[in-house]
Amino acid sequence: MFDSFLNFGSAFNWFTPLFAFFLDFLFGSACDFGIIAHAGWDRVDIKYLLRSNDIGVWGMMYNYEGDILMFTVRTKDAEFAYDLLASVGVPIEYSPLGSNFYYD
């Protein structure tokens, strides 16, 4: 019940997607990633992992259902980001390099 209330309330958050679109425009060519939420990796972990490897990341938000964590990286960093996420076992739901890839 409480999760449904939070999901409903987050539907009115217009600032986060607007800011992400602004950053997409600012940084130019960008690629979107989605990982399975609540699979041991949260926003802080993903952001730290990517930024500590010199990959800029923005637009960290959950989808409406709250089961996918979405974020954006520069196109030039997409392949490295994908390889990095896969190498540490992040469950990638979709990426610019393919979809439905799961790594143990």
N, C-alpha and C. Protein backbone atom coordinates (compact mmCIF):
# COMPACT_ATOMS: atom_id res chain seq x y z
N MET A 1 0.82 -1.19 0.00
CA MET A 1 0.00 0.00 0.00
C MET A 1 0.87 1.26 0.00
N PHE A 2 1.86 1.27 0.90
CA PHE A 2 2.74 2.44 0.98
C PHE A 2 3.54 2.62 -0.31
N ASP A 3 4.01 1.48 -0.91
CA ASP A 3 4.74 1.57 -2.18
C ASP A 3 3.86 2.14 -3.28
N SER A 4 2.60 1.75 -3.31
CA SER A 4 1.68 2.28 -4.31
C SER A 4 1.51 3.78 -4.13
N PHE A 5 1.42 4.22 -2.89
CA PHE A 5 1.30 5.65 -2.62
C PHE A 5 2.54 6.40 -3.10
N LEU A 6 3.72 5.85 -2.82
CA LEU A 6 4.96 6.50 -3.26
C LEU A 6 5.07 6.52 -4.78
N ASN A 7 4.69 5.42 -5.44
CA ASN A 7 4.71 5.39 -6.90
C ASN A 7 3.77 6.43 -7.48
N PHE A 8 2.59 6.56 -6.90
CA PHE A 8 1.63 7.56 -7.36
C PHE A 8 2.17 8.97 -7.15
N GLY A 9 2.75 9.22 -5.98
CA GLY A 9 3.30 10.54 -5.68
C GLY A 9 4.47 10.91 -6.57
N SER A 10 5.29 9.90 -6.93
CA SER A 10 6.45 10.19 -7.78
C SER A 10 6.03 10.51 -9.21
N ALA A 11 4.82 10.17 -9.59
CA ALA A 11 4.35 10.50 -10.94
C ALA A 11 4.27 12.01 -11.14
N PHE A 12 4.18 12.77 -10.06
CA PHE A 12 4.09 14.23 -10.15
C PHE A 12 5.46 14.90 -10.10
N ASN A 13 6.52 14.11 -10.05
CA ASN A 13 7.87 14.66 -10.04
C ASN A 13 8.25 15.00 -11.48
N TRP A 14 8.08 16.23 -11.87
CA TRP A 14 8.41 16.66 -13.21
C TRP A 14 9.82 17.23 -13.31
N PHE A 15 10.43 17.58 -12.17
CA PHE A 15 11.73 18.22 -12.19
C PHE A 15 12.84 17.26 -12.62
N THR A 16 12.86 16.05 -12.08
CA THR A 16 13.94 15.10 -12.37
C THR A 16 14.03 14.77 -13.86
N PRO A 17 12.93 14.38 -14.51
CA PRO A 17 13.05 14.12 -15.95
C PRO A 17 13.40 15.37 -16.76
N LEU A 18 12.87 16.51 -16.38
CA LEU A 18 13.18 17.75 -17.08
C LEU A 18 14.67 18.08 -16.97
N PHE A 19 15.22 17.90 -15.78
CA PHE A 19 16.64 18.15 -15.57
C PHE A 19 17.47 17.15 -16.38
N ALA A 20 17.03 15.89 -16.44
CA ALA A 20 17.75 14.88 -17.23
C ALA A 20 17.73 15.25 -18.71
N PHE A 21 16.60 15.73 -19.23
CA PHE A 21 16.54 16.17 -20.62
C PHE A 21 17.47 17.34 -20.87
N PHE A 22 17.55 18.26 -19.91
CA PHE A 22 18.46 19.39 -20.02
C PHE A 22 19.91 18.91 -20.11
N LEU A 23 20.28 17.96 -19.25
CA LEU A 23 21.64 17.43 -19.28
C LEU A 23 21.92 16.66 -20.57
N ASP A 24 20.91 15.94 -21.09
CA ASP A 24 21.08 15.28 -22.38
C ASP A 24 21.42 16.31 -23.45
N PHE A 25 20.71 17.42 -23.46
CA PHE A 25 20.96 18.49 -24.42
C PHE A 25 22.35 19.10 -24.21
N LEU A 26 22.72 19.31 -22.95
CA LEU A 26 23.99 19.94 -22.62
C LEU A 26 25.18 19.07 -23.02
N PHE A 27 25.11 17.77 -22.73
CA PHE A 27 26.24 16.87 -22.98
C PHE A 27 26.24 16.29 -24.38
N GLY A 28 25.20 16.50 -25.14
CA GLY A 28 25.17 15.99 -26.50
C GLY A 28 24.70 14.55 -26.56
N SER A 29 25.35 13.78 -27.38
CA SER A 29 24.95 12.40 -27.63
C SER A 29 25.00 11.59 -26.34
N ALA A 30 23.86 10.95 -26.01
CA ALA A 30 23.77 10.22 -24.76
C ALA A 30 23.06 8.88 -24.97
N CYS A 31 23.32 7.93 -24.08
CA CYS A 31 22.71 6.61 -24.13
C CYS A 31 22.08 6.28 -22.79
N ASP A 32 20.94 5.62 -22.85
CA ASP A 32 20.21 5.26 -21.64
C ASP A 32 20.47 3.81 -21.26
N PHE A 33 20.55 3.61 -19.95
CA PHE A 33 20.70 2.28 -19.38
C PHE A 33 19.55 2.04 -18.41
N GLY A 34 19.24 0.80 -18.19
CA GLY A 34 18.27 0.42 -17.18
C GLY A 34 18.75 -0.83 -16.47
N ILE A 35 18.72 -0.80 -15.16
CA ILE A 35 19.10 -1.98 -14.40
C ILE A 35 17.93 -2.39 -13.51
N ILE A 36 17.91 -3.64 -13.15
CA ILE A 36 16.85 -4.14 -12.30
C ILE A 36 17.02 -3.55 -10.91
N ALA A 37 15.98 -2.88 -10.45
CA ALA A 37 16.03 -2.22 -9.14
C ALA A 37 15.95 -3.27 -8.03
N HIS A 38 16.49 -2.94 -6.91
CA HIS A 38 16.45 -3.77 -5.71
C HIS A 38 17.11 -5.13 -5.91
N ALA A 39 18.14 -5.16 -6.74
CA ALA A 39 18.89 -6.39 -6.98
C ALA A 39 20.29 -6.27 -6.39
N GLY A 40 20.41 -5.46 -5.35
CA GLY A 40 21.70 -5.30 -4.69
C GLY A 40 22.47 -4.07 -5.11
N TRP A 41 21.95 -3.30 -6.07
CA TRP A 41 22.62 -2.10 -6.55
C TRP A 41 21.64 -0.95 -6.49
N ASP A 42 22.03 0.16 -5.86
CA ASP A 42 21.15 1.32 -5.81
C ASP A 42 21.81 2.50 -6.53
N ARG A 43 21.15 3.65 -6.49
CA ARG A 43 21.67 4.84 -7.19
C ARG A 43 23.07 5.21 -6.74
N VAL A 44 23.29 5.18 -5.45
CA VAL A 44 24.59 5.58 -4.90
C VAL A 44 25.69 4.64 -5.39
N ASP A 45 25.42 3.33 -5.37
CA ASP A 45 26.42 2.35 -5.82
C ASP A 45 26.77 2.53 -7.29
N ILE A 46 25.73 2.67 -8.12
CA ILE A 46 25.96 2.81 -9.56
C ILE A 46 26.69 4.11 -9.86
N LYS A 47 26.25 5.19 -9.25
CA LYS A 47 26.90 6.48 -9.48
C LYS A 47 28.36 6.44 -9.05
N TYR A 48 28.65 5.84 -7.90
CA TYR A 48 30.03 5.75 -7.42
C TYR A 48 30.88 4.90 -8.36
N LEU A 49 30.35 3.75 -8.77
CA LEU A 49 31.08 2.86 -9.66
C LEU A 49 31.44 3.55 -10.97
N LEU A 50 30.47 4.21 -11.58
CA LEU A 50 30.73 4.85 -12.87
C LEU A 50 31.62 6.09 -12.73
N ARG A 51 31.32 6.93 -11.77
CA ARG A 51 32.13 8.16 -11.63
C ARG A 51 33.56 7.88 -11.19
N SER A 52 33.76 6.83 -10.40
CA SER A 52 35.12 6.49 -9.99
C SER A 52 35.95 5.95 -11.16
N ASN A 53 35.28 5.62 -12.26
CA ASN A 53 35.95 5.19 -13.48
C ASN A 53 35.84 6.24 -14.58
N ASP A 54 35.64 7.49 -14.18
CA ASP A 54 35.59 8.65 -15.08
C ASP A 54 34.47 8.56 -16.13
N ILE A 55 33.33 8.00 -15.74
CA ILE A 55 32.17 7.97 -16.61
C ILE A 55 31.12 8.88 -15.99
N GLY A 56 30.76 9.93 -16.71
CA GLY A 56 29.72 10.83 -16.23
C GLY A 56 28.36 10.15 -16.31
N VAL A 57 27.56 10.32 -15.28
CA VAL A 57 26.24 9.69 -15.23
C VAL A 57 25.24 10.71 -14.70
N TRP A 58 24.04 10.71 -15.26
CA TRP A 58 22.98 11.62 -14.80
C TRP A 58 21.63 10.98 -15.07
N GLY A 59 20.59 11.64 -14.59
CA GLY A 59 19.23 11.16 -14.81
C GLY A 59 18.89 9.91 -14.02
N MET A 60 19.49 9.73 -12.85
CA MET A 60 19.24 8.53 -12.04
C MET A 60 17.82 8.58 -11.49
N MET A 61 16.93 7.77 -12.05
CA MET A 61 15.55 7.74 -11.56
C MET A 61 14.96 6.36 -11.81
N TYR A 62 13.94 6.05 -11.02
CA TYR A 62 13.22 4.79 -11.17
C TYR A 62 12.05 4.99 -12.12
N ASN A 63 11.67 3.92 -12.81
CA ASN A 63 10.48 4.00 -13.65
C ASN A 63 9.24 4.06 -12.76
N TYR A 64 8.09 4.20 -13.37
CA TYR A 64 6.84 4.38 -12.62
C TYR A 64 6.57 3.21 -11.67
N GLU A 65 6.81 1.99 -12.12
CA GLU A 65 6.57 0.82 -11.28
C GLU A 65 7.63 0.66 -10.20
N GLY A 66 8.77 1.31 -10.36
CA GLY A 66 9.84 1.22 -9.37
C GLY A 66 10.70 -0.02 -9.49
N ASP A 67 10.61 -0.73 -10.62
CA ASP A 67 11.39 -1.96 -10.76
C ASP A 67 12.61 -1.81 -11.66
N ILE A 68 12.76 -0.66 -12.30
CA ILE A 68 13.92 -0.39 -13.16
C ILE A 68 14.56 0.94 -12.75
N LEU A 69 15.86 0.92 -12.51
CA LEU A 69 16.63 2.14 -12.26
C LEU A 69 17.22 2.58 -13.58
N MET A 70 16.85 3.78 -14.02
CA MET A 70 17.28 4.29 -15.32
C MET A 70 18.32 5.39 -15.11
N PHE A 71 19.27 5.45 -16.02
CA PHE A 71 20.27 6.52 -15.97
C PHE A 71 20.86 6.69 -17.36
N THR A 72 21.62 7.76 -17.54
CA THR A 72 22.18 8.13 -18.84
C THR A 72 23.67 8.35 -18.72
N VAL A 73 24.39 7.94 -19.76
CA VAL A 73 25.83 8.21 -19.88
C VAL A 73 26.08 8.76 -21.27
N ARG A 74 27.25 9.35 -21.47
CA ARG A 74 27.62 9.83 -22.81
C ARG A 74 27.78 8.63 -23.74
N THR A 75 27.48 8.85 -25.00
CA THR A 75 27.59 7.78 -25.99
C THR A 75 29.01 7.23 -26.07
N LYS A 76 29.99 8.11 -25.97
CA LYS A 76 31.38 7.66 -26.06
C LYS A 76 31.78 6.77 -24.88
N ASP A 77 31.04 6.86 -23.77
CA ASP A 77 31.34 6.05 -22.59
C ASP A 77 30.44 4.82 -22.46
N ALA A 78 29.49 4.65 -23.38
CA ALA A 78 28.48 3.60 -23.22
C ALA A 78 29.07 2.20 -23.21
N GLU A 79 29.98 1.91 -24.10
CA GLU A 79 30.54 0.57 -24.15
C GLU A 79 31.36 0.26 -22.90
N PHE A 80 32.16 1.22 -22.46
CA PHE A 80 32.94 1.02 -21.24
C PHE A 80 32.02 0.87 -20.03
N ALA A 81 30.98 1.68 -19.98
CA ALA A 81 30.02 1.59 -18.86
C ALA A 81 29.35 0.22 -18.85
N TYR A 82 28.96 -0.25 -20.02
CA TYR A 82 28.32 -1.57 -20.11
C TYR A 82 29.27 -2.66 -19.62
N ASP A 83 30.50 -2.64 -20.13
CA ASP A 83 31.48 -3.65 -19.72
C ASP A 83 31.77 -3.59 -18.23
N LEU A 84 31.87 -2.38 -17.69
CA LEU A 84 32.13 -2.21 -16.27
C LEU A 84 30.98 -2.74 -15.42
N LEU A 85 29.76 -2.37 -15.78
CA LEU A 85 28.59 -2.84 -15.04
C LEU A 85 28.47 -4.36 -15.11
N ALA A 86 28.67 -4.91 -16.30
CA ALA A 86 28.56 -6.37 -16.46
C ALA A 86 29.66 -7.10 -15.70
N SER A 87 30.85 -6.52 -15.64
CA SER A 87 31.97 -7.20 -14.98
C SER A 87 31.79 -7.34 -13.48
N VAL A 88 31.00 -6.45 -12.88
CA VAL A 88 30.77 -6.54 -11.43
C VAL A 88 29.42 -7.17 -11.09
N GLY A 89 28.69 -7.62 -12.11
CA GLY A 89 27.45 -8.34 -11.87
C GLY A 89 26.19 -7.51 -11.72
N VAL A 90 26.20 -6.30 -12.26
CA VAL A 90 24.99 -5.47 -12.21
C VAL A 90 23.98 -6.06 -13.19
N PRO A 91 22.75 -6.31 -12.76
CA PRO A 91 21.74 -6.91 -13.64
C PRO A 91 21.17 -5.88 -14.63
N ILE A 92 21.70 -5.87 -15.84
CA ILE A 92 21.33 -4.88 -16.85
C ILE A 92 20.05 -5.34 -17.55
N GLU A 93 19.04 -4.52 -17.48
CA GLU A 93 17.77 -4.82 -18.14
C GLU A 93 17.80 -4.36 -19.59
N TYR A 94 18.31 -3.16 -19.83
CA TYR A 94 18.48 -2.69 -21.21
C TYR A 94 19.65 -1.73 -21.26
N SER A 95 20.23 -1.64 -22.44
CA SER A 95 21.36 -0.76 -22.67
C SER A 95 21.42 -0.46 -24.16
N PRO A 96 22.26 0.49 -24.57
CA PRO A 96 22.38 0.77 -26.00
C PRO A 96 23.04 -0.37 -26.76
N LEU A 97 23.66 -1.29 -26.05
CA LEU A 97 24.37 -2.40 -26.69
C LEU A 97 23.53 -3.67 -26.75
N GLY A 98 22.29 -3.61 -26.38
CA GLY A 98 21.42 -4.78 -26.41
C GLY A 98 20.45 -4.74 -25.25
N SER A 99 19.62 -5.74 -25.16
CA SER A 99 18.65 -5.76 -24.08
C SER A 99 18.59 -7.14 -23.47
N ASN A 100 18.07 -7.17 -22.27
CA ASN A 100 17.85 -8.40 -21.52
C ASN A 100 19.13 -9.19 -21.32
N PHE A 101 20.20 -8.53 -20.92
CA PHE A 101 21.44 -9.20 -20.57
C PHE A 101 21.50 -9.36 -19.08
N TYR A 102 21.73 -10.54 -18.63
CA TYR A 102 21.83 -10.82 -17.20
C TYR A 102 23.15 -11.52 -16.94
N TYR A 103 23.87 -11.03 -15.98
CA TYR A 103 25.17 -11.61 -15.64
C TYR A 103 25.14 -12.09 -14.21
N ASP A 104 25.72 -13.25 -13.99
CA ASP A 104 25.81 -13.80 -12.62
C ASP A 104 27.04 -13.28 -11.93
